[in-house]
N, C-alpha and C. Protein backbone atom coordinates (compact mmCIF):
# COMPACT_ATOMS: atom_id res chain seq x y z
N UNK A 1 -169.59 5.42 5.61
CA UNK A 1 -170.61 6.35 5.16
C UNK A 1 -170.62 7.59 6.04
N UNK A 2 -170.42 7.38 7.34
CA UNK A 2 -170.42 8.49 8.27
C UNK A 2 -169.27 9.46 7.97
N UNK A 3 -168.09 8.91 7.59
CA UNK A 3 -166.94 9.76 7.25
C UNK A 3 -167.22 10.58 5.99
N UNK A 4 -167.90 9.97 5.02
CA UNK A 4 -168.24 10.68 3.79
C UNK A 4 -169.15 11.85 4.10
N UNK A 5 -170.14 11.63 4.95
CA UNK A 5 -171.04 12.71 5.33
C UNK A 5 -170.30 13.81 6.08
N UNK A 6 -169.39 13.40 6.96
CA UNK A 6 -168.62 14.37 7.74
C UNK A 6 -167.75 15.22 6.80
N UNK A 7 -167.06 14.57 5.83
CA UNK A 7 -166.23 15.30 4.87
C UNK A 7 -167.08 16.21 3.99
N UNK A 8 -168.23 15.72 3.59
CA UNK A 8 -169.12 16.53 2.75
C UNK A 8 -169.55 17.78 3.51
N UNK A 9 -169.88 17.63 4.78
CA UNK A 9 -170.29 18.77 5.61
C UNK A 9 -169.14 19.76 5.76
N UNK A 10 -167.92 19.26 5.95
CA UNK A 10 -166.76 20.13 6.10
C UNK A 10 -166.48 20.90 4.80
N UNK A 11 -166.58 20.21 3.66
CA UNK A 11 -166.35 20.86 2.37
C UNK A 11 -167.42 21.93 2.14
N UNK A 12 -168.66 21.63 2.46
CA UNK A 12 -169.75 22.59 2.31
C UNK A 12 -169.51 23.80 3.20
N UNK A 13 -169.10 23.58 4.45
CA UNK A 13 -168.83 24.67 5.38
C UNK A 13 -167.67 25.53 4.87
N UNK A 14 -166.61 24.89 4.38
CA UNK A 14 -165.46 25.61 3.87
C UNK A 14 -165.87 26.46 2.66
N UNK A 15 -166.66 25.88 1.78
CA UNK A 15 -167.15 26.62 0.62
C UNK A 15 -167.95 27.84 1.02
N UNK A 16 -168.79 27.71 2.03
CA UNK A 16 -169.59 28.82 2.52
C UNK A 16 -168.70 29.93 3.07
N UNK A 17 -167.68 29.53 3.85
CA UNK A 17 -166.75 30.51 4.41
C UNK A 17 -166.00 31.25 3.29
N UNK A 18 -165.52 30.51 2.30
CA UNK A 18 -164.79 31.13 1.19
C UNK A 18 -165.68 32.06 0.39
N UNK A 19 -166.92 31.67 0.15
CA UNK A 19 -167.85 32.55 -0.57
C UNK A 19 -168.12 33.83 0.21
N UNK A 20 -168.22 33.72 1.54
CA UNK A 20 -168.45 34.89 2.37
C UNK A 20 -167.27 35.84 2.28
N UNK A 21 -166.03 35.32 2.40
CA UNK A 21 -164.86 36.17 2.29
C UNK A 21 -164.77 36.81 0.91
N UNK A 22 -165.09 36.07 -0.12
CA UNK A 22 -165.06 36.59 -1.48
C UNK A 22 -166.07 37.73 -1.63
N UNK A 23 -167.27 37.56 -1.11
CA UNK A 23 -168.30 38.60 -1.17
C UNK A 23 -167.86 39.84 -0.41
N UNK A 24 -167.23 39.65 0.76
CA UNK A 24 -166.73 40.79 1.53
C UNK A 24 -165.64 41.54 0.78
N UNK A 25 -164.76 40.81 0.11
CA UNK A 25 -163.68 41.44 -0.66
C UNK A 25 -164.25 42.25 -1.81
N UNK A 26 -165.25 41.72 -2.50
CA UNK A 26 -165.89 42.43 -3.60
C UNK A 26 -166.57 43.69 -3.07
N UNK A 27 -167.27 43.56 -1.94
CA UNK A 27 -167.95 44.71 -1.34
C UNK A 27 -166.94 45.78 -0.94
N UNK A 28 -165.80 45.38 -0.37
CA UNK A 28 -164.76 46.33 0.02
C UNK A 28 -164.21 47.04 -1.22
N UNK A 29 -164.01 46.30 -2.31
CA UNK A 29 -163.53 46.89 -3.56
C UNK A 29 -164.55 47.88 -4.11
N UNK A 30 -165.84 47.53 -4.06
CA UNK A 30 -166.90 48.41 -4.53
C UNK A 30 -166.92 49.71 -3.73
N UNK A 31 -166.64 49.64 -2.43
CA UNK A 31 -166.66 50.83 -1.59
C UNK A 31 -165.52 51.77 -1.95
N UNK A 32 -164.41 51.26 -2.52
CA UNK A 32 -163.30 52.11 -2.94
C UNK A 32 -163.62 52.85 -4.23
N UNK A 33 -164.55 52.34 -5.01
CA UNK A 33 -164.92 52.95 -6.28
C UNK A 33 -166.07 53.90 -6.00
N UNK A 34 -165.76 55.20 -6.04
CA UNK A 34 -166.76 56.21 -5.72
C UNK A 34 -166.74 57.31 -6.77
N UNK A 35 -167.68 58.23 -6.65
CA UNK A 35 -167.71 59.42 -7.50
C UNK A 35 -167.74 59.11 -8.98
N UNK A 36 -166.93 59.87 -9.72
CA UNK A 36 -166.91 59.72 -11.18
C UNK A 36 -166.43 58.34 -11.62
N UNK A 37 -165.48 57.77 -10.87
CA UNK A 37 -165.00 56.43 -11.24
C UNK A 37 -166.14 55.43 -11.16
N UNK A 38 -167.02 55.59 -10.20
CA UNK A 38 -168.18 54.70 -10.09
C UNK A 38 -169.12 54.90 -11.28
N UNK A 39 -169.28 56.16 -11.73
CA UNK A 39 -170.14 56.44 -12.89
C UNK A 39 -169.56 55.83 -14.17
N UNK A 40 -168.25 55.63 -14.20
CA UNK A 40 -167.60 55.07 -15.40
C UNK A 40 -167.72 53.56 -15.49
N UNK A 41 -168.06 52.89 -14.41
CA UNK A 41 -168.07 51.43 -14.38
C UNK A 41 -168.93 50.85 -15.50
N UNK A 42 -168.43 49.77 -16.09
CA UNK A 42 -169.15 49.11 -17.18
C UNK A 42 -168.40 49.28 -18.48
N UNK A 43 -169.08 48.96 -19.59
CA UNK A 43 -168.46 48.99 -20.90
C UNK A 43 -169.00 50.16 -21.71
N UNK A 44 -168.07 50.85 -22.35
CA UNK A 44 -168.37 52.01 -23.19
C UNK A 44 -167.81 51.75 -24.59
N UNK A 45 -168.49 52.29 -25.58
CA UNK A 45 -168.05 52.14 -26.98
C UNK A 45 -168.03 53.51 -27.64
N UNK A 46 -167.45 53.55 -28.83
CA UNK A 46 -167.33 54.81 -29.57
C UNK A 46 -168.71 55.40 -29.83
N UNK A 47 -168.82 56.69 -29.58
CA UNK A 47 -170.04 57.42 -29.90
C UNK A 47 -169.81 58.12 -31.23
N UNK A 48 -170.65 57.91 -32.18
CA UNK A 48 -170.47 58.55 -33.49
C UNK A 48 -169.97 57.56 -34.52
N UNK A 49 -169.91 58.05 -35.74
CA UNK A 49 -169.56 57.17 -36.87
C UNK A 49 -168.11 57.24 -37.28
N UNK A 50 -167.38 58.26 -36.85
CA UNK A 50 -166.00 58.42 -37.29
C UNK A 50 -165.02 58.10 -36.17
N UNK A 51 -163.86 57.63 -36.58
CA UNK A 51 -162.82 57.35 -35.60
C UNK A 51 -162.57 55.87 -35.46
N UNK A 52 -161.62 55.53 -34.59
CA UNK A 52 -161.26 54.11 -34.41
C UNK A 52 -162.36 53.34 -33.69
N UNK A 53 -162.34 52.02 -33.86
CA UNK A 53 -163.23 51.18 -33.08
C UNK A 53 -162.76 51.22 -31.63
N UNK A 54 -163.68 51.44 -30.72
CA UNK A 54 -163.35 51.56 -29.30
C UNK A 54 -164.27 50.68 -28.47
N UNK A 55 -163.70 50.07 -27.46
CA UNK A 55 -164.48 49.36 -26.45
C UNK A 55 -163.67 49.44 -25.16
N UNK A 56 -164.17 50.22 -24.23
CA UNK A 56 -163.48 50.43 -22.95
C UNK A 56 -164.33 49.85 -21.84
N UNK A 57 -163.71 49.02 -21.01
CA UNK A 57 -164.42 48.42 -19.89
C UNK A 57 -163.75 48.83 -18.59
N UNK A 58 -164.53 49.50 -17.74
CA UNK A 58 -164.06 49.95 -16.43
C UNK A 58 -164.56 48.95 -15.39
N UNK A 59 -163.65 48.41 -14.60
CA UNK A 59 -164.01 47.49 -13.53
C UNK A 59 -163.13 47.84 -12.34
N UNK A 60 -163.76 48.40 -11.31
CA UNK A 60 -162.98 48.88 -10.18
C UNK A 60 -162.08 50.01 -10.64
N UNK A 61 -160.80 49.95 -10.28
CA UNK A 61 -159.86 50.98 -10.71
C UNK A 61 -159.02 50.51 -11.90
N UNK A 62 -159.59 49.59 -12.68
CA UNK A 62 -158.90 49.07 -13.85
C UNK A 62 -159.70 49.39 -15.11
N UNK A 63 -158.98 49.77 -16.15
CA UNK A 63 -159.58 50.03 -17.45
C UNK A 63 -158.96 49.08 -18.47
N UNK A 64 -159.81 48.38 -19.19
CA UNK A 64 -159.36 47.56 -20.33
C UNK A 64 -159.87 48.28 -21.57
N UNK A 65 -158.94 48.86 -22.31
CA UNK A 65 -159.29 49.65 -23.49
C UNK A 65 -158.85 48.93 -24.75
N UNK A 66 -159.81 48.69 -25.64
CA UNK A 66 -159.54 48.13 -26.96
C UNK A 66 -159.67 49.29 -27.94
N UNK A 67 -158.54 49.73 -28.48
CA UNK A 67 -158.51 50.84 -29.43
C UNK A 67 -158.05 50.29 -30.77
N UNK A 68 -159.01 50.08 -31.66
CA UNK A 68 -158.71 49.54 -32.99
C UNK A 68 -157.94 48.23 -32.92
N UNK A 69 -158.27 47.37 -31.96
CA UNK A 69 -157.64 46.07 -31.84
C UNK A 69 -156.42 46.03 -30.94
N UNK A 70 -155.91 47.18 -30.54
CA UNK A 70 -154.79 47.23 -29.58
C UNK A 70 -155.38 47.25 -28.17
N UNK A 71 -154.99 46.28 -27.35
CA UNK A 71 -155.55 46.14 -26.00
C UNK A 71 -154.59 46.76 -24.98
N UNK A 72 -155.14 47.64 -24.15
CA UNK A 72 -154.39 48.25 -23.06
C UNK A 72 -155.13 47.96 -21.76
N UNK A 73 -154.42 47.52 -20.74
CA UNK A 73 -154.99 47.33 -19.41
C UNK A 73 -154.25 48.30 -18.50
N UNK A 74 -155.02 49.17 -17.84
CA UNK A 74 -154.42 50.24 -17.05
C UNK A 74 -155.09 50.38 -15.69
N UNK A 75 -154.31 50.88 -14.74
CA UNK A 75 -154.87 51.31 -13.46
C UNK A 75 -155.28 52.76 -13.68
N UNK A 76 -156.51 53.09 -13.32
CA UNK A 76 -157.03 54.42 -13.59
C UNK A 76 -157.22 55.19 -12.28
N UNK A 77 -156.81 56.45 -12.31
CA UNK A 77 -157.02 57.35 -11.18
C UNK A 77 -157.65 58.62 -11.73
N UNK A 78 -158.75 59.04 -11.11
CA UNK A 78 -159.42 60.26 -11.56
C UNK A 78 -159.42 61.28 -10.43
N UNK A 79 -159.42 62.55 -10.81
CA UNK A 79 -159.55 63.65 -9.86
C UNK A 79 -160.64 64.57 -10.38
N UNK A 80 -161.85 64.38 -9.89
CA UNK A 80 -162.99 65.15 -10.38
C UNK A 80 -162.98 66.58 -9.88
N UNK A 81 -162.16 66.88 -8.88
CA UNK A 81 -162.12 68.22 -8.31
C UNK A 81 -161.04 69.10 -8.94
N UNK A 82 -160.21 68.52 -9.82
CA UNK A 82 -159.17 69.30 -10.49
C UNK A 82 -159.81 70.38 -11.36
N UNK A 83 -159.14 71.51 -11.49
CA UNK A 83 -159.65 72.59 -12.32
C UNK A 83 -158.58 73.01 -13.31
N UNK A 84 -158.92 73.45 -14.49
CA UNK A 84 -160.28 73.72 -14.94
C UNK A 84 -161.02 72.48 -15.42
N UNK A 85 -160.32 71.35 -15.56
CA UNK A 85 -160.96 70.11 -16.02
C UNK A 85 -160.61 68.97 -15.07
N UNK A 86 -161.53 68.04 -14.92
CA UNK A 86 -161.25 66.82 -14.16
C UNK A 86 -160.12 66.08 -14.86
N UNK A 87 -159.23 65.46 -14.07
CA UNK A 87 -158.06 64.81 -14.65
C UNK A 87 -158.14 63.29 -14.51
N UNK A 88 -157.40 62.62 -15.38
CA UNK A 88 -157.31 61.17 -15.36
C UNK A 88 -155.85 60.79 -15.60
N UNK A 89 -155.38 59.80 -14.86
CA UNK A 89 -154.07 59.21 -15.09
C UNK A 89 -154.27 57.72 -15.30
N UNK A 90 -153.68 57.20 -16.35
CA UNK A 90 -153.74 55.78 -16.67
C UNK A 90 -152.33 55.23 -16.61
N UNK A 91 -152.08 54.30 -15.69
CA UNK A 91 -150.79 53.64 -15.63
C UNK A 91 -150.98 52.30 -16.33
N UNK A 92 -150.35 52.16 -17.49
CA UNK A 92 -150.55 50.98 -18.32
C UNK A 92 -149.85 49.78 -17.68
N UNK A 93 -150.63 48.73 -17.44
CA UNK A 93 -150.09 47.48 -16.89
C UNK A 93 -149.75 46.49 -18.00
N UNK A 94 -150.56 46.52 -19.06
CA UNK A 94 -150.35 45.63 -20.21
C UNK A 94 -150.71 46.41 -21.47
N UNK A 95 -149.92 46.21 -22.51
CA UNK A 95 -150.21 46.88 -23.77
C UNK A 95 -149.20 46.51 -24.82
N UNK A 96 -149.44 46.96 -26.05
CA UNK A 96 -148.54 46.62 -27.15
C UNK A 96 -147.17 47.30 -26.99
N UNK A 97 -146.18 46.66 -27.55
CA UNK A 97 -144.83 47.23 -27.54
C UNK A 97 -144.31 47.45 -26.13
N UNK A 98 -143.77 48.62 -25.90
CA UNK A 98 -143.20 48.98 -24.59
C UNK A 98 -144.17 49.78 -23.75
N UNK A 99 -145.46 49.60 -23.95
CA UNK A 99 -146.45 50.42 -23.25
C UNK A 99 -146.52 50.15 -21.74
N UNK A 100 -146.26 48.92 -21.31
CA UNK A 100 -146.38 48.57 -19.88
C UNK A 100 -145.48 49.48 -19.04
N UNK A 101 -146.06 50.03 -17.98
CA UNK A 101 -145.31 50.88 -17.06
C UNK A 101 -145.38 52.36 -17.41
N UNK A 102 -145.94 52.68 -18.56
CA UNK A 102 -146.01 54.06 -19.01
C UNK A 102 -147.30 54.69 -18.48
N UNK A 103 -147.23 55.99 -18.15
CA UNK A 103 -148.40 56.73 -17.69
C UNK A 103 -148.96 57.58 -18.82
N UNK A 104 -150.28 57.61 -18.90
CA UNK A 104 -150.99 58.44 -19.86
C UNK A 104 -151.77 59.47 -19.06
N UNK A 105 -151.53 60.76 -19.33
CA UNK A 105 -152.22 61.84 -18.62
C UNK A 105 -153.34 62.38 -19.50
N UNK A 106 -154.44 62.75 -18.84
CA UNK A 106 -155.54 63.29 -19.62
C UNK A 106 -156.53 64.05 -18.79
N UNK A 107 -157.58 64.46 -19.48
CA UNK A 107 -158.73 65.11 -18.85
C UNK A 107 -159.97 64.37 -19.30
N UNK A 108 -161.05 64.52 -18.55
CA UNK A 108 -162.29 63.84 -18.93
C UNK A 108 -163.48 64.68 -18.50
N UNK A 109 -164.62 64.36 -19.08
CA UNK A 109 -165.88 64.99 -18.67
C UNK A 109 -167.03 64.08 -19.08
N UNK A 110 -168.13 64.25 -18.39
CA UNK A 110 -169.38 63.61 -18.77
C UNK A 110 -170.16 64.66 -19.55
N UNK A 111 -170.68 64.26 -20.70
CA UNK A 111 -171.47 65.15 -21.54
C UNK A 111 -172.78 64.44 -21.83
N UNK A 112 -173.76 64.68 -20.97
CA UNK A 112 -175.01 63.93 -21.05
C UNK A 112 -174.74 62.47 -20.74
N UNK A 113 -175.10 61.57 -21.66
CA UNK A 113 -174.84 60.14 -21.44
C UNK A 113 -173.49 59.72 -22.02
N UNK A 114 -172.71 60.67 -22.49
CA UNK A 114 -171.40 60.37 -23.08
C UNK A 114 -170.28 60.65 -22.09
N UNK A 115 -169.17 59.95 -22.29
CA UNK A 115 -167.95 60.12 -21.52
C UNK A 115 -166.87 60.53 -22.50
N UNK A 116 -166.25 61.68 -22.25
CA UNK A 116 -165.25 62.22 -23.17
C UNK A 116 -163.89 62.23 -22.48
N UNK A 117 -162.90 61.64 -23.15
CA UNK A 117 -161.52 61.61 -22.67
C UNK A 117 -160.66 62.33 -23.69
N UNK A 118 -159.72 63.13 -23.22
CA UNK A 118 -158.67 63.66 -24.07
C UNK A 118 -157.36 63.33 -23.37
N UNK A 119 -156.52 62.55 -24.03
CA UNK A 119 -155.28 62.07 -23.41
C UNK A 119 -154.10 62.36 -24.32
N UNK A 120 -152.94 62.55 -23.70
CA UNK A 120 -151.72 62.70 -24.49
C UNK A 120 -151.24 61.31 -24.86
N UNK A 121 -150.31 61.26 -25.81
CA UNK A 121 -149.76 59.97 -26.18
C UNK A 121 -149.05 59.36 -24.97
N UNK A 122 -149.01 58.04 -24.87
CA UNK A 122 -148.37 57.40 -23.71
C UNK A 122 -146.97 57.94 -23.45
N UNK A 123 -146.74 58.32 -22.20
CA UNK A 123 -145.44 58.84 -21.79
C UNK A 123 -145.28 60.34 -21.96
N UNK A 124 -146.29 61.01 -22.55
CA UNK A 124 -146.22 62.45 -22.74
C UNK A 124 -146.21 63.18 -21.41
N UNK A 125 -145.49 64.29 -21.35
CA UNK A 125 -145.33 65.03 -20.09
C UNK A 125 -146.49 65.96 -19.78
N UNK A 126 -147.03 66.62 -20.80
CA UNK A 126 -148.06 67.63 -20.56
C UNK A 126 -149.45 67.02 -20.61
N UNK A 127 -150.28 67.47 -19.71
CA UNK A 127 -151.69 67.06 -19.70
C UNK A 127 -152.45 67.98 -20.66
N UNK A 128 -153.40 67.45 -21.42
CA UNK A 128 -154.20 68.33 -22.29
C UNK A 128 -154.91 69.40 -21.46
N UNK A 129 -155.16 70.53 -22.08
CA UNK A 129 -155.88 71.61 -21.40
C UNK A 129 -157.27 71.83 -21.98
N UNK A 130 -157.52 71.23 -23.15
CA UNK A 130 -158.85 71.35 -23.76
C UNK A 130 -159.21 70.03 -24.46
N UNK A 131 -160.48 69.87 -24.73
CA UNK A 131 -160.97 68.65 -25.36
C UNK A 131 -160.86 68.79 -26.88
N UNK A 132 -159.64 68.53 -27.36
CA UNK A 132 -159.35 68.71 -28.77
C UNK A 132 -158.26 67.70 -29.17
N UNK A 133 -158.53 66.92 -30.20
CA UNK A 133 -157.52 66.00 -30.71
C UNK A 133 -156.50 66.74 -31.54
N UNK A 134 -155.22 66.43 -31.32
CA UNK A 134 -154.13 67.03 -32.08
C UNK A 134 -153.26 65.89 -32.58
N UNK A 135 -153.06 65.80 -33.88
CA UNK A 135 -152.30 64.69 -34.47
C UNK A 135 -151.01 64.41 -33.70
N UNK A 136 -150.84 63.16 -33.32
CA UNK A 136 -149.64 62.65 -32.64
C UNK A 136 -149.33 63.32 -31.30
N UNK A 137 -150.27 64.10 -30.75
CA UNK A 137 -150.06 64.73 -29.44
C UNK A 137 -151.17 64.36 -28.46
N UNK A 138 -152.41 64.67 -28.84
CA UNK A 138 -153.57 64.43 -27.98
C UNK A 138 -154.61 63.63 -28.75
N UNK A 139 -155.24 62.72 -28.04
CA UNK A 139 -156.27 61.88 -28.65
C UNK A 139 -157.59 62.12 -27.93
N UNK A 140 -158.63 62.36 -28.71
CA UNK A 140 -159.95 62.63 -28.17
C UNK A 140 -160.82 61.39 -28.38
N UNK A 141 -161.42 60.92 -27.30
CA UNK A 141 -162.29 59.75 -27.35
C UNK A 141 -163.65 60.14 -26.78
N UNK A 142 -164.70 59.95 -27.56
CA UNK A 142 -166.06 60.18 -27.09
C UNK A 142 -166.75 58.82 -27.04
N UNK A 143 -167.19 58.46 -25.84
CA UNK A 143 -167.75 57.12 -25.60
C UNK A 143 -169.19 57.21 -25.14
N UNK A 144 -169.94 56.15 -25.41
CA UNK A 144 -171.32 56.01 -24.91
C UNK A 144 -171.44 54.63 -24.28
N UNK A 145 -172.39 54.47 -23.37
CA UNK A 145 -172.56 53.14 -22.75
C UNK A 145 -172.91 52.11 -23.83
N UNK A 146 -172.33 50.92 -23.67
CA UNK A 146 -172.62 49.84 -24.61
C UNK A 146 -174.03 49.34 -24.36
N UNK A 147 -174.78 49.18 -25.42
CA UNK A 147 -176.14 48.63 -25.33
C UNK A 147 -176.06 47.14 -25.55
N UNK A 148 -176.64 46.36 -24.67
CA UNK A 148 -176.62 44.90 -24.84
C UNK A 148 -177.84 44.41 -25.54
């Protein structure tokens, strides 16, 4: 019985230590997410009645974007100080077809409670210069926070 209690105490202590390290790792990750990227955290959906179904979830420096049923998981980097527009780069980690490893360049802005992205097609060389969708070149996404 004494050994069982001793093992139980050791398992409990180990669990406490692991939980502490896990909490510290999460806190360290949260500290890396600052500025506009921090404002983007959470789930966003399409704003308005027209366009594809959208659900984008920002968690840390990762974006999981569901665009009309196509799922893309990307590492996101933003530069809020870029001019004339804040810039965004998405390096796709997972996606349909040959999307993995491709970079998507874009611009973004906050418009009241909305988040607006304009991105070139995956692998495109030029970054958009204005918030305007152009068939097969630039895609405009207007998002709002998801209401639960």
